[in-house]
Amino acid sequence: MNARTVFRTIAIAEACSWAGLLIGMFFKYVPETTEAGVQIFGPIHGAMFVLYCLGVLVIGFSQRWSMGRLVLGLFSSIPPLMTLWFDRYAEKRGWIPERLGRSATESA
């Protein structure tokens, strides 16, 4: 798998875990029926959040992203499903290379 595919997979997994956690929080706090969704998706989302942030940092530093681009990538992990937006936004601009260690402009 190339870096672009790995990053996209992590972004999708982070978004799905966010969605699962939000659904779990709904059942915990609105009808107050169960905490199972939060107990299951809480740790999963935590792990996906950390993995996504590490992915942004690894790609960002290897590609020498500007501080603004790096902050945007990291900020995208906070609002639900925004990792999906950032993945597409970054790919359209060539920010995520197929292989690490080469700048995005070199691989284009």
PDB file of N, CA and C in Angstrom:
ATOM      1  N   MET A   1       0.837  -1.193   0.000  1.00  0.00           N
ATOM      2  CA  MET A   1       0.000   0.000   0.000  1.00  0.00           C
ATOM      3  C   MET A   1       0.877   1.249   0.000  1.00  0.00           C
ATOM      4  N   ASN A   2       0.442   2.244  -0.731  1.00  0.00           N
ATOM      5  CA  ASN A   2       1.215   3.474  -0.755  1.00  0.00           C
ATOM      6  C   ASN A   2       0.730   4.422   0.339  1.00  0.00           C
ATOM      7  N   ALA A   3       1.466   5.490   0.551  1.00  0.00           N
ATOM      8  CA  ALA A   3       1.167   6.443   1.629  1.00  0.00           C
ATOM      9  C   ALA A   3      -0.210   7.068   1.452  1.00  0.00           C
ATOM     10  N   ARG A   4      -0.578   7.360   0.232  1.00  0.00           N
ATOM     11  CA  ARG A   4      -1.879   7.975  -0.033  1.00  0.00           C
ATOM     12  C   ARG A   4      -3.015   7.040   0.385  1.00  0.00           C
ATOM     13  N   THR A   5      -2.894   5.767   0.054  1.00  0.00           N
ATOM     14  CA  THR A   5      -3.918   4.783   0.412  1.00  0.00           C
ATOM     15  C   THR A   5      -3.990   4.584   1.918  1.00  0.00           C
ATOM     16  N   VAL A   6      -2.839   4.522   2.564  1.00  0.00           N
ATOM     17  CA  VAL A   6      -2.813   4.361   4.019  1.00  0.00           C
ATOM     18  C   VAL A   6      -3.471   5.567   4.688  1.00  0.00           C
ATOM     19  N   PHE A   7      -3.130   6.764   4.237  1.00  0.00           N
ATOM     20  CA  PHE A   7      -3.702   7.963   4.837  1.00  0.00           C
ATOM     21  C   PHE A   7      -5.214   7.996   4.641  1.00  0.00           C
ATOM     22  N   ARG A   8      -5.677   7.662   3.446  1.00  0.00           N
ATOM     23  CA  ARG A   8      -7.124   7.648   3.174  1.00  0.00           C
ATOM     24  C   ARG A   8      -7.825   6.620   4.062  1.00  0.00           C
ATOM     25  N   THR A   9      -7.231   5.462   4.224  1.00  0.00           N
ATOM     26  CA  THR A   9      -7.817   4.416   5.068  1.00  0.00           C
ATOM     27  C   THR A   9      -7.941   4.889   6.509  1.00  0.00           C
ATOM     28  N   ILE A  10      -6.909   5.546   7.008  1.00  0.00           N
ATOM     29  CA  ILE A  10      -6.946   6.073   8.376  1.00  0.00           C
ATOM     30  C   ILE A  10      -8.000   7.168   8.496  1.00  0.00           C
ATOM     31  N   ALA A  11      -8.094   8.047   7.503  1.00  0.00           N
ATOM     32  CA  ALA A  11      -9.090   9.130   7.531  1.00  0.00           C
ATOM     33  C   ALA A  11     -10.503   8.560   7.546  1.00  0.00           C
ATOM     34  N   ILE A  12     -10.756   7.534   6.757  1.00  0.00           N
ATOM     35  CA  ILE A  12     -12.080   6.899   6.728  1.00  0.00           C
ATOM     36  C   ILE A  12     -12.369   6.203   8.048  1.00  0.00           C
ATOM     37  N   ALA A  13     -11.389   5.481   8.571  1.00  0.00           N
ATOM     38  CA  ALA A  13     -11.581   4.788   9.853  1.00  0.00           C
ATOM     39  C   ALA A  13     -11.851   5.776  10.978  1.00  0.00           C
ATOM     40  N   GLU A  14     -11.157   6.905  10.980  1.00  0.00           N
ATOM     41  CA  GLU A  14     -11.376   7.925  12.013  1.00  0.00           C
ATOM     42  C   GLU A  14     -12.791   8.487  11.911  1.00  0.00           C
ATOM     43  N   ALA A  15     -13.245   8.753  10.695  1.00  0.00           N
ATOM     44  CA  ALA A  15     -14.596   9.281  10.491  1.00  0.00           C
ATOM     45  C   ALA A  15     -15.658   8.267  10.906  1.00  0.00           C
ATOM     46  N   CYS A  16     -15.462   7.013  10.558  1.00  0.00           N
ATOM     47  CA  CYS A  16     -16.424   5.968  10.951  1.00  0.00           C
ATOM     48  C   CYS A  16     -16.469   5.799  12.464  1.00  0.00           C
ATOM     49  N   SER A  17     -15.317   5.847  13.105  1.00  0.00           N
ATOM     50  CA  SER A  17     -15.303   5.711  14.564  1.00  0.00           C
ATOM     51  C   SER A  17     -15.972   6.911  15.227  1.00  0.00           C
ATOM     52  N   TRP A  18     -15.829   8.095  14.626  1.00  0.00           N
ATOM     53  CA  TRP A  18     -16.518   9.293  15.129  1.00  0.00           C
ATOM     54  C   TRP A  18     -18.022   9.079  15.038  1.00  0.00           C
ATOM     55  N   ALA A  19     -18.476   8.598  13.880  1.00  0.00           N
ATOM     56  CA  ALA A  19     -19.909   8.359  13.682  1.00  0.00           C
ATOM     57  C   ALA A  19     -20.426   7.340  14.696  1.00  0.00           C
ATOM     58  N   GLY A  20     -19.679   6.273  14.912  1.00  0.00           N
ATOM     59  CA  GLY A  20     -20.077   5.273  15.904  1.00  0.00           C
ATOM     60  C   GLY A  20     -20.157   5.850  17.296  1.00  0.00           C
ATOM     61  N   LEU A  21     -19.187   6.674  17.643  1.00  0.00           N
ATOM     62  CA  LEU A  21     -19.192   7.305  18.967  1.00  0.00           C
ATOM     63  C   LEU A  21     -20.366   8.265  19.115  1.00  0.00           C
ATOM     64  N   LEU A  22     -20.652   9.037  18.084  1.00  0.00           N
ATOM     65  CA  LEU A  22     -21.800   9.954  18.149  1.00  0.00           C
ATOM     66  C   LEU A  22     -23.117   9.196  18.317  1.00  0.00           C
ATOM     67  N   ILE A  23     -23.277   8.090  17.614  1.00  0.00           N
ATOM     68  CA  ILE A  23     -24.480   7.271  17.769  1.00  0.00           C
ATOM     69  C   ILE A  23     -24.543   6.703  19.184  1.00  0.00           C
ATOM     70  N   GLY A  24     -23.404   6.220  19.676  1.00  0.00           N
ATOM     71  CA  GLY A  24     -23.351   5.708  21.040  1.00  0.00           C
ATOM     72  C   GLY A  24     -23.698   6.776  22.068  1.00  0.00           C
ATOM     73  N   MET A  25     -23.218   7.999  21.853  1.00  0.00           N
ATOM     74  CA  MET A  25     -23.531   9.101  22.767  1.00  0.00           C
ATOM     75  C   MET A  25     -25.012   9.452  22.719  1.00  0.00           C
ATOM     76  N   PHE A  26     -25.609   9.358  21.543  1.00  0.00           N
ATOM     77  CA  PHE A  26     -27.047   9.612  21.438  1.00  0.00           C
ATOM     78  C   PHE A  26     -27.818   8.640  22.330  1.00  0.00           C
ATOM     79  N   PHE A  27     -27.519   7.342  22.198  1.00  0.00           N
ATOM     80  CA  PHE A  27     -28.244   6.350  23.004  1.00  0.00           C
ATOM     81  C   PHE A  27     -27.937   6.446  24.491  1.00  0.00           C
ATOM     82  N   LYS A  28     -26.755   6.924  24.803  1.00  0.00           N
ATOM     83  CA  LYS A  28     -26.407   7.083  26.220  1.00  0.00           C
ATOM     84  C   LYS A  28     -27.123   8.273  26.848  1.00  0.00           C
ATOM     85  N   TYR A  29     -27.193   9.385  26.122  1.00  0.00           N
ATOM     86  CA  TYR A  29     -27.681  10.625  26.736  1.00  0.00           C
ATOM     87  C   TYR A  29     -29.114  11.035  26.370  1.00  0.00           C
ATOM     88  N   VAL A  30     -29.639  10.599  25.225  1.00  0.00           N
ATOM     89  CA  VAL A  30     -30.989  11.037  24.843  1.00  0.00           C
ATOM     90  C   VAL A  30     -32.036  10.067  25.384  1.00  0.00           C
ATOM     91  N   PRO A  31     -32.138   8.843  24.859  1.00  0.00           N
ATOM     92  CA  PRO A  31     -33.129   7.951  25.462  1.00  0.00           C
ATOM     93  C   PRO A  31     -32.605   7.277  26.737  1.00  0.00           C
ATOM     94  N   GLU A  32     -31.290   7.452  26.995  1.00  0.00           N
ATOM     95  CA  GLU A  32     -30.630   6.875  28.178  1.00  0.00           C
ATOM     96  C   GLU A  32     -30.888   5.379  28.296  1.00  0.00           C
ATOM     97  N   THR A  33     -30.694   4.672  27.165  1.00  0.00           N
ATOM     98  CA  THR A  33     -30.954   3.233  27.151  1.00  0.00           C
ATOM     99  C   THR A  33     -29.708   2.385  27.379  1.00  0.00           C
ATOM    100  N   THR A  34     -28.568   2.804  26.847  1.00  0.00           N
ATOM    101  CA  THR A  34     -27.368   1.982  26.977  1.00  0.00           C
ATOM    102  C   THR A  34     -26.110   2.838  26.848  1.00  0.00           C
ATOM    103  N   GLU A  35     -25.045   2.358  27.469  1.00  0.00           N
ATOM    104  CA  GLU A  35     -23.736   2.997  27.342  1.00  0.00           C
ATOM    105  C   GLU A  35     -22.811   2.170  26.466  1.00  0.00           C
ATOM    106  N   ALA A  36     -23.316   1.069  25.911  1.00  0.00           N
ATOM    107  CA  ALA A  36     -22.476   0.139  25.150  1.00  0.00           C
ATOM    108  C   ALA A  36     -21.785   0.810  23.967  1.00  0.00           C
ATOM    109  N   GLY A  37     -22.495   1.671  23.246  1.00  0.00           N
ATOM    110  CA  GLY A  37     -21.885   2.330  22.087  1.00  0.00           C
ATOM    111  C   GLY A  37     -20.694   3.185  22.464  1.00  0.00           C
ATOM    112  N   VAL A  38     -20.804   3.896  23.579  1.00  0.00           N
ATOM    113  CA  VAL A  38     -19.698   4.737  24.044  1.00  0.00           C
ATOM    114  C   VAL A  38     -18.554   3.857  24.537  1.00  0.00           C
ATOM    115  N   GLN A  39     -18.891   2.781  25.243  1.00  0.00           N
ATOM    116  CA  GLN A  39     -17.853   1.885  25.751  1.00  0.00           C
ATOM    117  C   GLN A  39     -17.095   1.196  24.620  1.00  0.00           C
ATOM    118  N   ILE A  40     -17.797   0.912  23.535  1.00  0.00           N
ATOM    119  CA  ILE A  40     -17.146   0.243  22.401  1.00  0.00           C
ATOM    120  C   ILE A  40     -16.415   1.251  21.514  1.00  0.00           C
ATOM    121  N   PHE A  41     -17.121   2.293  21.092  1.00  0.00           N
ATOM    122  CA  PHE A  41     -16.540   3.220  20.121  1.00  0.00           C
ATOM    123  C   PHE A  41     -15.631   4.278  20.736  1.00  0.00           C
ATOM    124  N   GLY A  42     -15.735   4.520  22.032  1.00  0.00           N
ATOM    125  CA  GLY A  42     -14.853   5.492  22.677  1.00  0.00           C
ATOM    126  C   GLY A  42     -13.380   5.155  22.502  1.00  0.00           C
ATOM    127  N   PRO A  43     -12.955   3.945  22.921  1.00  0.00           N
ATOM    128  CA  PRO A  43     -11.544   3.576  22.745  1.00  0.00           C
ATOM    129  C   PRO A  43     -11.128   3.434  21.277  1.00  0.00           C
ATOM    130  N   ILE A  44     -12.043   2.934  20.448  1.00  0.00           N
ATOM    131  CA  ILE A  44     -11.729   2.796  19.025  1.00  0.00           C
ATOM    132  C   ILE A  44     -11.487   4.173  18.418  1.00  0.00           C
ATOM    133  N   HIS A  45     -12.387   5.107  18.725  1.00  0.00           N
ATOM    134  CA  HIS A  45     -12.212   6.455  18.188  1.00  0.00           C
ATOM    135  C   HIS A  45     -10.938   7.105  18.728  1.00  0.00           C
ATOM    136  N   GLY A  46     -10.659   6.899  19.992  1.00  0.00           N
ATOM    137  CA  GLY A  46      -9.426   7.449  20.567  1.00  0.00           C
ATOM    138  C   GLY A  46      -8.196   6.969  19.812  1.00  0.00           C
ATOM    139  N   ALA A  47      -8.162   5.676  19.511  1.00  0.00           N
ATOM    140  CA  ALA A  47      -7.024   5.108  18.782  1.00  0.00           C
ATOM    141  C   ALA A  47      -6.962   5.656  17.354  1.00  0.00           C
ATOM    142  N   MET A  48      -8.110   5.761  16.689  1.00  0.00           N
ATOM    143  CA  MET A  48      -8.138   6.276  15.318  1.00  0.00           C
ATOM    144  C   MET A  48      -7.757   7.753  15.271  1.00  0.00           C
ATOM    145  N   PHE A  49      -8.177   8.506  16.285  1.00  0.00           N
ATOM    146  CA  PHE A  49      -7.824   9.920  16.389  1.00  0.00           C
ATOM    147  C   PHE A  49      -6.303  10.076  16.477  1.00  0.00           C
ATOM    148  N   VAL A  50      -5.683   9.309  17.367  1.00  0.00           N
ATOM    149  CA  VAL A  50      -4.229   9.379  17.536  1.00  0.00           C
ATOM    150  C   VAL A  50      -3.520   8.929  16.258  1.00  0.00           C
ATOM    151  N   LEU A  51      -4.002   7.853  15.651  1.00  0.00           N
ATOM    152  CA  LEU A  51      -3.388   7.344  14.426  1.00  0.00           C
ATOM    153  C   LEU A  51      -3.484   8.368  13.298  1.00  0.00           C
ATOM    154  N   TYR A  52      -4.638   9.023  13.175  1.00  0.00           N
ATOM    155  CA  TYR A  52      -4.806  10.052  12.143  1.00  0.00           C
ATOM    156  C   TYR A  52      -3.844  11.219  12.385  1.00  0.00           C
ATOM    157  N   CYS A  53      -3.769  11.686  13.616  1.00  0.00           N
ATOM    158  CA  CYS A  53      -2.852  12.796  13.927  1.00  0.00           C
ATOM    159  C   CYS A  53      -1.410  12.413  13.641  1.00  0.00           C
ATOM    160  N   LEU A  54      -1.020  11.196  13.986  1.00  0.00           N
ATOM    161  CA  LEU A  54       0.336  10.734  13.668  1.00  0.00           C
ATOM    162  C   LEU A  54       0.555  10.692  12.158  1.00  0.00           C
ATOM    163  N   GLY A  55      -0.460  10.243  11.418  1.00  0.00           N
ATOM    164  CA  GLY A  55      -0.355  10.219   9.954  1.00  0.00           C
ATOM    165  C   GLY A  55      -0.153  11.604   9.380  1.00  0.00           C
ATOM    166  N   VAL A  56      -0.904  12.576   9.893  1.00  0.00           N
ATOM    167  CA  VAL A  56      -0.754  13.964   9.443  1.00  0.00           C
ATOM    168  C   VAL A  56       0.662  14.453   9.744  1.00  0.00           C
ATOM    169  N   LEU A  57       1.141  14.178  10.950  1.00  0.00           N
ATOM    170  CA  LEU A  57       2.484  14.638  11.325  1.00  0.00           C
ATOM    171  C   LEU A  57       3.568  13.986  10.478  1.00  0.00           C
ATOM    172  N   VAL A  58       3.462  12.677  10.264  1.00  0.00           N
ATOM    173  CA  VAL A  58       4.477  11.975   9.461  1.00  0.00           C
ATOM    174  C   VAL A  58       4.494  12.512   8.036  1.00  0.00           C
ATOM    175  N   ILE A  59       3.332  12.602   7.405  1.00  0.00           N
ATOM    176  CA  ILE A  59       3.282  13.105   6.029  1.00  0.00           C
ATOM    177  C   ILE A  59       3.652  14.578   5.985  1.00  0.00           C
ATOM    178  N   GLY A  60       3.129  15.352   6.934  1.00  0.00           N
ATOM    179  CA  GLY A  60       3.410  16.786   6.962  1.00  0.00           C
ATOM    180  C   GLY A  60       4.890  17.096   7.085  1.00  0.00           C
ATOM    181  N   PHE A  61       5.578  16.395   7.988  1.00  0.00           N
ATOM    182  CA  PHE A  61       7.011  16.655   8.152  1.00  0.00           C
ATOM    183  C   PHE A  61       7.810  16.111   6.975  1.00  0.00           C
ATOM    184  N   SER A  62       7.415  14.944   6.458  1.00  0.00           N
ATOM    185  CA  SER A  62       8.176  14.380   5.336  1.00  0.00           C
ATOM    186  C   SER A  62       8.020  15.232   4.073  1.00  0.00           C
ATOM    187  N   GLN A  63       6.879  15.905   3.945  1.00  0.00           N
ATOM    188  CA  GLN A  63       6.623  16.739   2.764  1.00  0.00           C
ATOM    189  C   GLN A  63       6.904  18.219   3.016  1.00  0.00           C
ATOM    190  N   ARG A  64       7.358  18.517   4.217  1.00  0.00           N
ATOM    191  CA  ARG A  64       7.686  19.893   4.607  1.00  0.00           C
ATOM    192  C   ARG A  64       6.493  20.841   4.414  1.00  0.00           C
ATOM    193  N   TRP A  65       5.337  20.393   4.937  1.00  0.00           N
ATOM    194  CA  TRP A  65       4.153  21.240   4.883  1.00  0.00           C
ATOM    195  C   TRP A  65       4.373  22.511   5.680  1.00  0.00           C
ATOM    196  N   SER A  66       3.696  23.563   5.302  1.00  0.00           N
ATOM    197  CA  SER A  66       3.731  24.798   6.083  1.00  0.00           C
ATOM    198  C   SER A  66       3.009  24.557   7.406  1.00  0.00           C
ATOM    199  N   MET A  67       3.240  25.436   8.362  1.00  0.00           N
ATOM    200  CA  MET A  67       2.582  25.307   9.663  1.00  0.00           C
ATOM    201  C   MET A  67       1.061  25.377   9.499  1.00  0.00           C
ATOM    202  N   GLY A  68       0.581  26.239   8.631  1.00  0.00           N
ATOM    203  CA  GLY A  68      -0.852  26.363   8.406  1.00  0.00           C
ATOM    204  C   GLY A  68      -1.463  25.083   7.859  1.00  0.00           C
ATOM    205  N   ARG A  69      -0.786  24.449   6.922  1.00  0.00           N
ATOM    206  CA  ARG A  69      -1.270  23.196   6.336  1.00  0.00           C
ATOM    207  C   ARG A  69      -1.279  22.092   7.386  1.00  0.00           C
ATOM    208  N   LEU A  70      -0.239  22.051   8.186  1.00  0.00           N
ATOM    209  CA  LEU A  70      -0.138  21.051   9.258  1.00  0.00           C
ATOM    210  C   LEU A  70      -1.248  21.248  10.285  1.00  0.00           C
ATOM    211  N   VAL A  71      -1.480  22.483  10.678  1.00  0.00           N
ATOM    212  CA  VAL A  71      -2.542  22.787  11.647  1.00  0.00           C
ATOM    213  C   VAL A  71      -3.905  22.434  11.057  1.00  0.00           C
ATOM    214  N   LEU A  72      -4.127  22.729   9.783  1.00  0.00           N
ATOM    215  CA  LEU A  72      -5.390  22.381   9.141  1.00  0.00           C
ATOM    216  C   LEU A  72      -5.606  20.865   9.166  1.00  0.00           C
ATOM    217  N   GLY A  73      -4.574  20.116   8.852  1.00  0.00           N
ATOM    218  CA  GLY A  73      -4.675  18.653   8.883  1.00  0.00           C
ATOM    219  C   GLY A  73      -4.987  18.137  10.269  1.00  0.00           C
ATOM    220  N   LEU A  74      -4.313  18.683  11.279  1.00  0.00           N
ATOM    221  CA  LEU A  74      -4.565  18.258  12.654  1.00  0.00           C
ATOM    222  C   LEU A  74      -5.940  18.703  13.133  1.00  0.00           C
ATOM    223  N   PHE A  75      -6.324  19.929  12.795  1.00  0.00           N
ATOM    224  CA  PHE A  75      -7.642  20.434  13.188  1.00  0.00           C
ATOM    225  C   PHE A  75      -8.760  19.586  12.590  1.00  0.00           C
ATOM    226  N   SER A  76      -8.512  19.015  11.424  1.00  0.00           N
ATOM    227  CA  SER A  76      -9.524  18.202  10.747  1.00  0.00           C
ATOM    228  C   SER A  76      -9.906  16.953  11.528  1.00  0.00           C
ATOM    229  N   SER A  77      -9.115  16.599  12.512  1.00  0.00           N
ATOM    230  CA  SER A  77      -9.446  15.421  13.329  1.00  0.00           C
ATOM    231  C   SER A  77     -10.493  15.739  14.390  1.00  0.00           C
ATOM    232  N   ILE A  78     -10.807  17.009  14.604  1.00  0.00           N
ATOM    233  CA  ILE A  78     -11.714  17.393  15.701  1.00  0.00           C
ATOM    234  C   ILE A  78     -13.187  17.393  15.277  1.00  0.00           C
ATOM    235  N   PRO A  79     -13.605  18.144  14.259  1.00  0.00           N
ATOM    236  CA  PRO A  79     -15.027  18.083  13.877  1.00  0.00           C
ATOM    237  C   PRO A  79     -15.367  16.720  13.268  1.00  0.00           C
ATOM    238  N   PRO A  80     -16.535  16.197  13.577  1.00  0.00           N
ATOM    239  CA  PRO A  80     -16.911  14.890  13.022  1.00  0.00           C
ATOM    240  C   PRO A  80     -16.858  14.876  11.489  1.00  0.00           C
ATOM    241  N   LEU A  81     -16.263  13.836  10.968  1.00  0.00           N
ATOM    242  CA  LEU A  81     -16.177  13.532   9.533  1.00  0.00           C
ATOM    243  C   LEU A  81     -15.299  14.485   8.719  1.00  0.00           C
ATOM    244  N   MET A  82     -14.627  15.429   9.346  1.00  0.00           N
ATOM    245  CA  MET A  82     -13.813  16.383   8.594  1.00  0.00           C
ATOM    246  C   MET A  82     -12.527  15.747   8.049  1.00  0.00           C
ATOM    247  N   THR A  83     -12.131  14.597   8.587  1.00  0.00           N
ATOM    248  CA  THR A  83     -10.956  13.922   8.039  1.00  0.00           C
ATOM    249  C   THR A  83     -11.212  13.502   6.595  1.00  0.00           C
ATOM    250  N   LEU A  84     -12.466  13.186   6.279  1.00  0.00           N
ATOM    251  CA  LEU A  84     -12.811  12.830   4.902  1.00  0.00           C
ATOM    252  C   LEU A  84     -12.623  14.034   3.978  1.00  0.00           C
ATOM    253  N   TRP A  85     -13.075  15.202   4.433  1.00  0.00           N
ATOM    254  CA  TRP A  85     -12.905  16.426   3.655  1.00  0.00           C
ATOM    255  C   TRP A  85     -11.429  16.730   3.449  1.00  0.00           C
ATOM    256  N   PHE A  86     -10.636  16.660   4.532  1.00  0.00           N
ATOM    257  CA  PHE A  86      -9.226  17.004   4.413  1.00  0.00           C
ATOM    258  C   PHE A  86      -8.504  16.046   3.477  1.00  0.00           C
ATOM    259  N   ASP A  87      -8.828  14.772   3.542  1.00  0.00           N
ATOM    260  CA  ASP A  87      -8.192  13.796   2.656  1.00  0.00           C
ATOM    261  C   ASP A  87      -8.404  14.169   1.193  1.00  0.00           C
ATOM    262  N   ARG A  88      -9.631  14.485   0.822  1.00  0.00           N
ATOM    263  CA  ARG A  88      -9.923  14.864  -0.563  1.00  0.00           C
ATOM    264  C   ARG A  88      -9.275  16.197  -0.926  1.00  0.00           C
ATOM    265  N   TYR A  89      -9.359  17.155  -0.019  1.00  0.00           N
ATOM    266  CA  TYR A  89      -8.775  18.480  -0.242  1.00  0.00           C
ATOM    267  C   TYR A  89      -7.265  18.370  -0.471  1.00  0.00           C
ATOM    268  N   ALA A  90      -6.606  17.596   0.376  1.00  0.00           N
ATOM    269  CA  ALA A  90      -5.154  17.444   0.276  1.00  0.00           C
ATOM    270  C   ALA A  90      -4.754  16.667  -0.973  1.00  0.00           C
ATOM    271  N   GLU A  91      -5.527  15.654  -1.320  1.00  0.00           N
ATOM    272  CA  GLU A  91      -5.191  14.879  -2.517  1.00  0.00           C
ATOM    273  C   GLU A  91      -5.337  15.721  -3.787  1.00  0.00           C
ATOM    274  N   LYS A  92      -6.393  16.528  -3.869  1.00  0.00           N
ATOM    275  CA  LYS A  92      -6.589  17.378  -5.052  1.00  0.00           C
ATOM    276  C   LYS A  92      -5.442  18.352  -5.239  1.00  0.00           C
ATOM    277  N   ARG A  93      -4.806  18.733  -4.153  1.00  0.00           N
ATOM    278  CA  ARG A  93      -3.701  19.687  -4.220  1.00  0.00           C
ATOM    279  C   ARG A  93      -2.330  19.008  -4.287  1.00  0.00           C
ATOM    280  N   GLY A  94      -2.313  17.687  -4.287  1.00  0.00           N
ATOM    281  CA  GLY A  94      -1.056  16.951  -4.388  1.00  0.00           C
ATOM    282  C   GLY A  94      -0.224  16.980  -3.123  1.00  0.00           C
ATOM    283  N   TRP A  95      -0.860  17.164  -1.989  1.00  0.00           N
ATOM    284  CA  TRP A  95      -0.118  17.261  -0.729  1.00  0.00           C
ATOM    285  C   TRP A  95       0.285  15.900  -0.170  1.00  0.00           C
ATOM    286  N   ILE A  96      -0.401  14.852  -0.589  1.00  0.00           N
ATOM    287  CA  ILE A  96      -0.124  13.525  -0.042  1.00  0.00           C
ATOM    288  C   ILE A  96       0.513  12.682  -1.149  1.00  0.00           C
ATOM    289  N   PRO A  97       1.768  12.326  -0.984  1.00  0.00           N
ATOM    290  CA  PRO A  97       2.482  11.595  -2.030  1.00  0.00           C
ATOM    291  C   PRO A  97       2.125  10.108  -2.014  1.00  0.00           C
ATOM    292  N   GLU A  98       2.488   9.434  -3.087  1.00  0.00           N
ATOM    293  CA  GLU A  98       2.303   7.982  -3.106  1.00  0.00           C
ATOM    294  C   GLU A  98       3.319   7.310  -2.193  1.00  0.00           C
ATOM    295  N   ARG A  99       4.512   7.871  -2.137  1.00  0.00           N
ATOM    296  CA  ARG A  99       5.574   7.323  -1.285  1.00  0.00           C
ATOM    297  C   ARG A  99       6.121   8.416  -0.391  1.00  0.00           C
ATOM    298  N   LEU A 100       6.433   8.059   0.836  1.00  0.00           N
ATOM    299  CA  LEU A 100       7.043   9.031   1.741  1.00  0.00           C
ATOM    300  C   LEU A 100       8.496   9.250   1.361  1.00  0.00           C
ATOM    301  N   GLY A 101       9.010  10.402   1.723  1.00  0.00           N
ATOM    302  CA  GLY A 101      10.405  10.706   1.445  1.00  0.00           C
ATOM    303  C   GLY A 101      10.603  11.514   0.177  1.00  0.00           C
ATOM    304  N   ARG A 102       9.564  11.596  -0.642  1.00  0.00           N
ATOM    305  CA  ARG A 102       9.629  12.398  -1.865  1.00  0.00           C
ATOM    306  C   ARG A 102       8.609  13.510  -1.727  1.00  0.00           C
ATOM    307  N   SER A 103       8.942  14.665  -2.205  1.00  0.00           N
ATOM    308  CA  SER A 103       7.967  15.769  -2.121  1.00  0.00           C
ATOM    309  C   SER A 103       6.835  15.507  -3.096  1.00  0.00           C
ATOM    310  N   ALA A 104       5.688  16.076  -2.814  1.00  0.00           N
ATOM    311  CA  ALA A 104       4.507  15.869  -3.649  1.00  0.00           C
ATOM    312  C   ALA A 104       4.751  16.341  -5.081  1.00  0.00           C
ATOM    313  N   THR A 105       5.541  17.379  -5.244  1.00  0.00           N
ATOM    314  CA  THR A 105       5.803  17.883  -6.594  1.00  0.00           C
ATOM    315  C   THR A 105       6.721  16.953  -7.370  1.00  0.00           C
ATOM    316  N   GLU A 106       7.620  16.259  -6.668  1.00  0.00           N
ATOM    317  CA  GLU A 106       8.501  15.314  -7.339  1.00  0.00           C
ATOM    318  C   GLU A 106       7.750  14.092  -7.823  1.00  0.00           C
ATOM    319  N   SER A 107       6.700  13.679  -7.071  1.00  0.00           N
ATOM    320  CA  SER A 107       5.976  12.460  -7.441  1.00  0.00           C
ATOM    321  C   SER A 107       4.885  12.732  -8.458  1.00  0.00           C
ATOM    322  N   ALA A 108       4.599  13.989  -8.754  1.00  0.00           N
ATOM    323  CA  ALA A 108       3.530  14.315  -9.705  1.00  0.00           C
ATOM    324  C   ALA A 108       4.008  14.232 -11.123  1.00  0.00           C
TER     325      ALA A 108
END
